[in-house]
C-alpha atoms as a PDB file:
ATOM      1  CA  MET A   1       5.793 -42.902 230.185  1.00  0.00           C
ATOM      2  CA  PRO A   2       2.319 -43.888 229.164  1.00  0.00           C
ATOM      3  CA  GLY A   3       0.948 -43.534 225.668  1.00  0.00           C
ATOM      4  CA  ARG A   4       2.281 -44.130 222.210  1.00  0.00           C
ATOM      5  CA  PRO A   5       5.927 -43.311 221.579  1.00  0.00           C
ATOM      6  CA  PRO A   6       6.643 -40.333 219.342  1.00  0.00           C
ATOM      7  CA  ARG A   7       7.137 -41.095 215.634  1.00  0.00           C
ATOM      8  CA  TYR A   8       8.838 -37.903 214.496  1.00  0.00           C
ATOM      9  CA  ALA A   9      11.626 -35.696 215.874  1.00  0.00           C
ATOM     10  CA  GLY A  10       9.220 -32.805 216.353  1.00  0.00           C
ATOM     11  CA  GLU A  11       6.939 -34.935 218.570  1.00  0.00           C
ATOM     12  CA  PHE A  12      10.003 -36.079 220.566  1.00  0.00           C
ATOM     13  CA  ASP A  13      11.128 -32.472 221.042  1.00  0.00           C
ATOM     14  CA  HIS A  14       7.662 -31.628 222.421  1.00  0.00           C
ATOM     15  CA  LEU A  15       7.721 -34.596 224.748  1.00  0.00           C
ATOM     16  CA  LEU A  16      11.187 -33.683 225.979  1.00  0.00           C
ATOM     17  CA  ASN A  17      10.249 -30.057 226.547  1.00  0.00           C
ATOM     18  CA  ALA A  18       7.189 -31.138 228.537  1.00  0.00           C
ATOM     19  CA  LEU A  19       9.342 -33.397 230.681  1.00  0.00           C
ATOM     20  CA  SER A  20      11.973 -30.723 231.322  1.00  0.00           C
ATOM     21  CA  THR A  21       9.905 -28.870 233.968  1.00  0.00           C
ATOM     22  CA  ARG A  22      11.971 -30.688 236.600  1.00  0.00           C
ATOM     23  CA  PRO A  23      15.164 -32.779 236.651  1.00  0.00           C
ATOM     24  CA  ARG A  24      14.805 -36.070 234.778  1.00  0.00           C
ATOM     25  CA  THR A  25      16.911 -39.121 233.893  1.00  0.00           C
ATOM     26  CA  LEU A  26      16.702 -40.670 230.404  1.00  0.00           C
ATOM     27  CA  VAL A  27      17.815 -44.253 230.159  1.00  0.00           C
ATOM     28  CA  LEU A  28      18.657 -45.545 226.743  1.00  0.00           C
ATOM     29  CA  ASP A  29      18.861 -49.323 226.779  1.00  0.00           C
ATOM     30  CA  GLU A  30      20.416 -51.519 224.076  1.00  0.00           C
ATOM     31  CA  ALA A  31      22.768 -48.572 223.293  1.00  0.00           C
ATOM     32  CA  GLN A  32      24.977 -50.810 221.128  1.00  0.00           C
ATOM     33  CA  TRP A  33      22.140 -50.711 218.509  1.00  0.00           C
ATOM     34  CA  LEU A  34      21.839 -46.914 218.364  1.00  0.00           C
ATOM     35  CA  SER A  35      21.378 -45.534 214.887  1.00  0.00           C
ATOM     36  CA  SER A  36      23.907 -42.933 213.800  1.00  0.00           C
ATOM     37  CA  ASP A  37      21.306 -40.079 214.119  1.00  0.00           C
ATOM     38  CA  LEU A  38      20.365 -40.727 217.754  1.00  0.00           C
ATOM     39  CA  PRO A  39      23.674 -39.930 219.482  1.00  0.00           C
ATOM     40  CA  GLU A  40      23.690 -36.525 217.809  1.00  0.00           C
ATOM     41  CA  TYR A  41      20.163 -35.873 218.949  1.00  0.00           C
ATOM     42  CA  VAL A  42      20.951 -36.970 222.469  1.00  0.00           C
ATOM     43  CA  ARG A  43      23.923 -34.560 222.538  1.00  0.00           C
ATOM     44  CA  TYR A  44      21.648 -31.866 221.274  1.00  0.00           C
ATOM     45  CA  PHE A  45      19.097 -32.062 224.129  1.00  0.00           C
ATOM     46  CA  TRP A  46      21.783 -32.863 226.692  1.00  0.00           C
ATOM     47  CA  ASP A  47      23.374 -29.511 225.931  1.00  0.00           C
ATOM     48  CA  ASP A  48      20.147 -27.591 226.330  1.00  0.00           C
ATOM     49  CA  PRO A  49      20.881 -25.076 229.094  1.00  0.00           C
ATOM     50  CA  HIS A  50      17.215 -24.754 230.134  1.00  0.00           C
ATOM     51  CA  THR A  51      16.861 -28.365 231.431  1.00  0.00           C
ATOM     52  CA  GLN A  52      18.392 -30.633 233.955  1.00  0.00           C
ATOM     53  CA  ARG A  53      18.688 -33.933 232.246  1.00  0.00           C
ATOM     54  CA  ALA A  54      20.893 -36.899 232.977  1.00  0.00           C
ATOM     55  CA  VAL A  55      21.403 -39.559 230.328  1.00  0.00           C
ATOM     56  CA  ILE A  56      22.331 -43.168 231.001  1.00  0.00           C
ATOM     57  CA  PHE A  57      23.339 -45.458 228.193  1.00  0.00           C
ATOM     58  CA  VAL A  58      22.979 -49.165 228.838  1.00  0.00           C
ATOM     59  CA  GLY A  59      24.240 -51.879 226.609  1.00  0.00           C
ATOM     60  CA  VAL A  60      26.201 -55.119 226.176  1.00  0.00           C
ATOM     61  CA  GLU A  61      29.300 -55.889 224.163  1.00  0.00           C
ATOM     62  CA  GLY A  62      29.773 -53.242 221.495  1.00  0.00           C
ATOM     63  CA  CYS A  63      28.080 -50.464 223.384  1.00  0.00           C
ATOM     64  CA  HIS A  64      31.311 -48.770 224.354  1.00  0.00           C
ATOM     65  CA  ALA A  65      32.652 -48.843 220.783  1.00  0.00           C
ATOM     66  CA  THR A  66      29.346 -47.523 219.405  1.00  0.00           C
ATOM     67  CA  LEU A  67      29.360 -44.537 221.784  1.00  0.00           C
ATOM     68  CA  ARG A  68      33.042 -43.916 221.274  1.00  0.00           C
ATOM     69  CA  ARG A  69      32.454 -43.495 217.500  1.00  0.00           C
ATOM     70  CA  GLU A  70      30.526 -40.311 218.311  1.00  0.00           C
ATOM     71  CA  PRO A  71      33.318 -37.992 219.732  1.00  0.00           C
ATOM     72  CA  MET A  72      30.974 -35.051 220.416  1.00  0.00           C
ATOM     73  CA  LEU A  73      28.747 -37.325 222.581  1.00  0.00           C
ATOM     74  CA  SER A  74      31.478 -39.475 224.167  1.00  0.00           C
ATOM     75  CA  SER A  75      33.437 -36.336 225.220  1.00  0.00           C
ATOM     76  CA  ARG A  76      30.414 -35.496 227.415  1.00  0.00           C
ATOM     77  CA  MET A  77      30.390 -38.849 229.240  1.00  0.00           C
ATOM     78  CA  PHE A  78      31.018 -38.330 232.918  1.00  0.00           C
ATOM     79  CA  ILE A  79      31.767 -41.965 233.768  1.00  0.00           C
ATOM     80  CA  TRP A  80      32.038 -45.230 231.834  1.00  0.00           C
ATOM     81  CA  GLN A  81      30.998 -48.124 234.046  1.00  0.00           C
ATOM     82  CA  HIS A  82      31.554 -51.753 233.170  1.00  0.00           C
ATOM     83  CA  LEU A  83      29.389 -54.229 235.115  1.00  0.00           C
ATOM     84  CA  THR A  84      29.951 -57.920 235.169  1.00  0.00           C
ATOM     85  CA  ARG A  85      27.567 -60.789 235.673  1.00  0.00           C
ATOM     86  CA  LEU A  86      26.739 -61.595 239.302  1.00  0.00           C
ATOM     87  CA  THR A  87      27.903 -64.940 240.654  1.00  0.00           C
ATOM     88  CA  PRO A  88      25.260 -67.209 242.154  1.00  0.00           C
ATOM     89  CA  GLU A  89      26.314 -66.204 245.676  1.00  0.00           C
ATOM     90  CA  GLU A  90      26.008 -62.540 244.766  1.00  0.00           C
ATOM     91  CA  VAL A  91      22.544 -63.124 243.361  1.00  0.00           C
ATOM     92  CA  LEU A  92      21.433 -64.593 246.653  1.00  0.00           C
ATOM     93  CA  THR A  93      22.790 -61.502 248.506  1.00  0.00           C
ATOM     94  CA  VAL A  94      21.694 -58.732 246.138  1.00  0.00           C
ATOM     95  CA  VAL A  95      18.272 -59.958 244.850  1.00  0.00           C
ATOM     96  CA  PRO A  96      16.576 -59.877 248.280  1.00  0.00           C
ATOM     97  CA  LEU A  97      17.720 -56.256 248.624  1.00  0.00           C
ATOM     98  CA  PHE A  98      16.420 -55.372 245.151  1.00  0.00           C
ATOM     99  CA  HIS A  99      12.719 -55.895 245.935  1.00  0.00           C
ATOM    100  CA  PRO A 100      10.871 -56.857 249.180  1.00  0.00           C
ATOM    101  CA  VAL A 101       9.139 -59.783 247.459  1.00  0.00           C
ATOM    102  CA  TRP A 102      12.527 -61.527 247.172  1.00  0.00           C
ATOM    103  CA  GLY A 103      13.385 -60.933 250.892  1.00  0.00           C
ATOM    104  CA  THR A 104      11.315 -63.804 252.180  1.00  0.00           C
ATOM    105  CA  PRO A 105      11.551 -66.777 249.788  1.00  0.00           C
ATOM    106  CA  PRO A 106      14.014 -69.545 250.481  1.00  0.00           C
ATOM    107  CA  PRO A 107      17.451 -68.987 248.910  1.00  0.00           C
ATOM    108  CA  PRO A 108      17.113 -71.579 246.056  1.00  0.00           C
ATOM    109  CA  LEU A 109      14.035 -69.789 244.612  1.00  0.00           C
ATOM    110  CA  PRO A 110      15.761 -66.780 243.032  1.00  0.00           C
ATOM    111  CA  MET A 111      18.265 -69.122 241.401  1.00  0.00           C
ATOM    112  CA  SER A 112      15.499 -71.329 239.838  1.00  0.00           C
ATOM    113  CA  THR A 113      13.283 -68.504 238.457  1.00  0.00           C
ATOM    114  CA  PRO A 114      13.390 -68.530 234.635  1.00  0.00           C
ATOM    115  CA  PRO A 115      14.192 -65.273 232.856  1.00  0.00           C
ATOM    116  CA  THR A 116      10.738 -65.471 231.181  1.00  0.00           C
ATOM    117  CA  ALA A 117       9.149 -64.952 234.552  1.00  0.00           C
ATOM    118  CA  THR A 118      10.499 -61.420 234.721  1.00  0.00           C
ATOM    119  CA  SER A 119       9.510 -60.394 231.174  1.00  0.00           C
ATOM    120  CA  GLY A 120      13.118 -60.038 230.240  1.00  0.00           C
ATOM    121  CA  SER A 121      13.925 -57.475 232.940  1.00  0.00           C
ATOM    122  CA  VAL A 122      16.289 -59.983 234.636  1.00  0.00           C
ATOM    123  CA  ARG A 123      18.480 -61.978 232.353  1.00  0.00           C
ATOM    124  CA  GLY A 124      20.541 -65.016 233.299  1.00  0.00           C
END
């Protein structure tokens, strides 16, 4: 979403209402660092019957425990998925399918690309 992020809950409500004109997916990354107020707020707008919103929480170690501490939120989780790190062989299989740019370079290139080259979106 372009523009400055909302600073206050009322601004966030307005943004979410504007985005609710069609089905949307909200992805909350680094969910292990969520403040205690945010899960309650997510539950609030998730339960709004006038919208079609999906919420995906993404996090590392501690994410599951953080979300489980909020029973009213965790009871609404449809699926808990644990993903493990790809092996080097899996990287060479999956990365070319992820983006067409990676479909043509020789196999050693994806393995030698530093994480800084992807602005943190791919971590080793």
